[in-house]
Amino acid sequence: MNRSSERTVHTSYILLIVLFAYSGFVGCEKSAWKNSLDSPDQLGLSVVDALNRKDIEQLDHLRVQREEYLDWVWPAFPASRPPNNFPGDFAWSNLNKKCNRGMKKWIVHFGGHNLKFIDIRFDRPSETYEGFELLRGTVLTLQKVAGEKRELKILGSVVVKNDRYKLLSYED
């Protein structure tokens, strides 16, 4: 192999390494926000579907996960900074316990009932933080098989990041 060919091969390897590194970096942002949805309605439909199937794993996938919470949700909250300085792991542990209790409770109460999603709305003012917005006062409207509509306050706030939606929590 001559010197020109070696240089071309070397340059090609460098470009490949840069490309892989860049695609890995870009992929991190998307994977850090996986299972997010395009709209609040999609989120509401997914919650109702998971309840109908008694699928606690799906309910869990619809909410902010530990790494997302610790990496960018918690640091944006005032309680994470002075004078409070609450540790992120402590906050996550409390939120996670609440969510786990809530998911189990709502599956017992509403799981397998063949509910129909009607609407999702937010009755409290939203809050804007660095990198995301919280939609608060979540009310999920469902219809039972017999036609009776019911408004439920079983969901916590909804996080909006890059025009994508995910639950912050479940009420317990």
Protein backbone atom coordinates (compact mmCIF):
# COMPACT_ATOMS: atom_id res chain seq x y z
CA MET A 1 0.00 0.00 0.00
CA ASN A 2 1.43 3.39 -0.93
CA ARG A 3 1.50 6.43 1.32
CA SER A 4 -1.53 8.06 -0.36
CA SER A 5 -3.63 4.92 0.15
CA GLU A 6 -2.55 4.68 3.79
CA ARG A 7 -3.57 8.31 4.34
CA THR A 8 -6.97 7.67 2.72
CA VAL A 9 -7.55 4.58 4.89
CA HIS A 10 -6.43 6.48 8.02
CA THR A 11 -8.74 9.41 7.16
CA SER A 12 -11.62 6.99 6.54
CA TYR A 13 -11.10 5.39 9.98
CA ILE A 14 -11.08 8.79 11.64
CA LEU A 15 -14.30 9.78 9.85
CA LEU A 16 -15.95 6.51 10.91
CA ILE A 17 -14.92 7.02 14.52
CA VAL A 18 -16.25 10.59 14.48
CA LEU A 19 -19.50 9.41 12.87
CA PHE A 20 -20.00 6.64 15.45
CA ALA A 21 -19.20 9.00 18.31
CA TYR A 22 -21.62 11.62 16.97
CA SER A 23 -24.42 9.11 16.37
CA GLY A 24 -23.90 7.76 19.88
CA PHE A 25 -24.11 11.25 21.32
CA VAL A 26 -27.25 12.11 19.34
CA GLY A 27 -28.76 8.75 20.28
CA CYS A 28 -28.24 9.47 23.98
CA GLU A 29 -30.70 12.36 23.92
CA LYS A 30 -33.36 10.24 22.24
CA SER A 31 -32.81 7.20 24.44
CA ALA A 32 -32.91 9.40 27.54
CA TRP A 33 -36.49 10.26 26.61
CA LYS A 34 -37.69 6.92 25.32
CA ASN A 35 -41.34 5.92 25.67
CA SER A 36 -42.40 9.57 25.44
CA LEU A 37 -45.44 10.30 23.29
CA ASP A 38 -46.54 12.92 20.76
CA SER A 39 -49.49 14.34 22.71
CA PRO A 40 -51.36 14.27 26.01
CA ASP A 41 -54.14 12.31 24.28
CA GLN A 42 -51.68 9.59 23.26
CA LEU A 43 -50.49 9.47 26.85
CA GLY A 44 -54.06 9.17 28.13
CA LEU A 45 -54.87 6.46 25.58
CA SER A 46 -51.75 4.54 26.59
CA VAL A 47 -52.61 4.74 30.29
CA VAL A 48 -56.14 3.47 29.64
CA ASP A 49 -54.83 0.68 27.42
CA ALA A 50 -52.38 -0.41 30.14
CA LEU A 51 -55.16 -0.33 32.76
CA ASN A 52 -57.45 -2.39 30.55
CA ARG A 53 -54.70 -4.97 30.12
CA LYS A 54 -53.63 -4.75 33.79
CA ASP A 55 -50.14 -4.05 32.49
CA ILE A 56 -48.14 -2.46 35.32
CA GLU A 57 -44.93 -2.59 33.25
CA GLN A 58 -46.53 -0.43 30.56
CA LEU A 59 -47.79 2.01 33.17
CA ASP A 60 -44.24 2.23 34.48
CA HIS A 61 -42.80 2.84 30.99
CA LEU A 62 -45.12 5.82 30.53
CA ARG A 63 -43.50 7.75 33.38
CA VAL A 64 -40.16 9.47 33.78
CA GLN A 65 -37.50 6.93 34.68
CA ARG A 66 -34.80 7.24 37.36
CA GLU A 67 -31.97 8.42 35.08
CA GLU A 68 -34.20 11.01 33.38
CA TYR A 69 -35.36 12.27 36.74
CA LEU A 70 -31.89 12.52 38.24
CA ASP A 71 -30.21 13.89 35.10
CA TRP A 72 -32.56 16.71 34.12
CA VAL A 73 -35.84 16.85 36.04
CA TRP A 74 -34.61 17.01 39.63
CA PRO A 75 -31.77 19.51 39.03
CA ALA A 76 -34.33 21.98 37.62
CA PHE A 77 -36.47 21.92 40.78
CA PRO A 78 -35.74 24.56 43.43
CA ALA A 79 -35.58 21.93 46.22
CA SER A 80 -32.45 20.51 44.59
CA ARG A 81 -30.52 23.74 45.21
CA PRO A 82 -29.64 25.84 48.27
CA PRO A 83 -30.95 26.36 50.82
CA ASN A 84 -32.75 22.98 50.64
CA ASN A 85 -30.22 20.84 48.72
CA PHE A 86 -32.36 17.71 48.95
CA PRO A 87 -30.46 14.81 47.38
CA GLY A 88 -31.85 13.58 44.05
CA ASP A 89 -31.75 9.95 45.16
CA PHE A 90 -33.90 10.81 48.19
CA ALA A 91 -36.43 12.66 46.01
CA TRP A 92 -36.48 9.83 43.45
CA SER A 93 -36.96 7.20 46.16
CA ASN A 94 -40.02 9.04 47.52
CA LEU A 95 -41.49 9.65 44.06
CA ASN A 96 -40.85 6.06 42.98
CA LYS A 97 -42.57 4.63 46.09
CA LYS A 98 -45.57 6.87 45.48
CA CYS A 99 -45.76 5.82 41.83
CA ASN A 100 -45.46 2.12 42.61
CA ARG A 101 -48.27 2.36 45.19
CA GLY A 102 -50.39 4.36 42.76
CA MET A 103 -49.90 2.02 39.79
CA LYS A 104 -50.84 -1.03 41.89
CA LYS A 105 -53.85 0.77 43.37
CA TRP A 106 -55.21 1.91 40.00
CA ILE A 107 -54.78 -1.52 38.43
CA VAL A 108 -56.78 -3.03 41.31
CA HIS A 109 -59.52 -0.37 40.97
CA PHE A 110 -59.72 0.00 37.19
CA GLY A 111 -57.71 -2.82 35.63
CA GLY A 112 -59.46 -5.08 33.13
CA HIS A 113 -62.68 -3.00 33.04
CA ASN A 114 -62.59 -2.29 29.30
CA LEU A 115 -62.55 1.46 29.83
CA LYS A 116 -62.58 3.93 26.98
CA PHE A 117 -60.38 7.03 26.91
CA ILE A 118 -62.42 10.23 26.48
CA ASP A 119 -60.14 13.13 27.40
CA ILE A 120 -57.17 14.36 29.37
CA ARG A 121 -56.99 17.91 30.70
CA PHE A 122 -54.93 19.96 33.12
CA ASP A 123 -56.78 22.00 35.74
CA ARG A 124 -53.83 23.81 37.30
CA PRO A 125 -51.39 26.28 35.74
CA SER A 126 -48.38 24.76 34.04
CA GLU A 127 -44.87 25.39 35.36
CA THR A 128 -41.85 26.05 33.18
CA TYR A 129 -38.41 24.79 34.17
CA GLU A 130 -35.09 24.74 32.38
CA GLY A 131 -35.51 22.24 29.53
CA PHE A 132 -39.11 21.17 30.18
CA GLU A 133 -42.61 22.15 31.24
CA LEU A 134 -44.90 20.52 33.80
CA LEU A 135 -48.60 20.24 33.00
CA ARG A 136 -50.36 20.08 36.37
CA GLY A 137 -53.73 19.08 37.78
CA THR A 138 -54.13 16.12 35.41
CA VAL A 139 -57.70 14.86 35.01
CA LEU A 140 -58.31 11.71 32.97
CA THR A 141 -61.87 11.26 31.68
CA LEU A 142 -62.91 7.67 30.99
CA GLN A 143 -66.08 5.93 29.95
CA LYS A 144 -67.20 2.64 31.43
CA VAL A 145 -68.77 -0.07 29.27
CA ALA A 146 -72.24 0.93 30.53
CA GLY A 147 -71.65 4.44 29.17
CA GLU A 148 -70.99 6.20 32.48
CA LYS A 149 -68.23 8.80 32.23
CA ARG A 150 -65.84 9.25 35.10
CA GLU A 151 -63.19 11.89 35.78
CA LEU A 152 -60.15 10.47 37.56
CA LYS A 153 -57.27 12.23 39.27
CA ILE A 154 -54.96 9.22 39.25
CA LEU A 155 -52.11 10.80 37.30
CA GLY A 156 -49.56 13.27 38.56
CA SER A 157 -48.05 16.01 36.44
CA VAL A 158 -47.09 15.47 32.81
CA VAL A 159 -43.63 16.46 31.62
CA VAL A 160 -43.29 18.12 28.20
CA LYS A 161 -39.79 18.05 26.73
CA ASN A 162 -39.03 18.73 23.06
CA ASP A 163 -42.77 18.54 22.26
CA ARG A 164 -42.93 15.01 23.72
CA TYR A 165 -45.03 13.92 26.70
CA LYS A 166 -44.44 11.62 29.63
CA LEU A 167 -45.92 11.22 33.10
CA LEU A 168 -43.92 12.46 36.03
CA SER A 169 -45.90 10.31 38.46
CA TYR A 170 -49.03 8.45 39.45
CA GLU A 171 -51.11 9.59 42.39
CA ASP A 172 -51.33 7.20 45.29
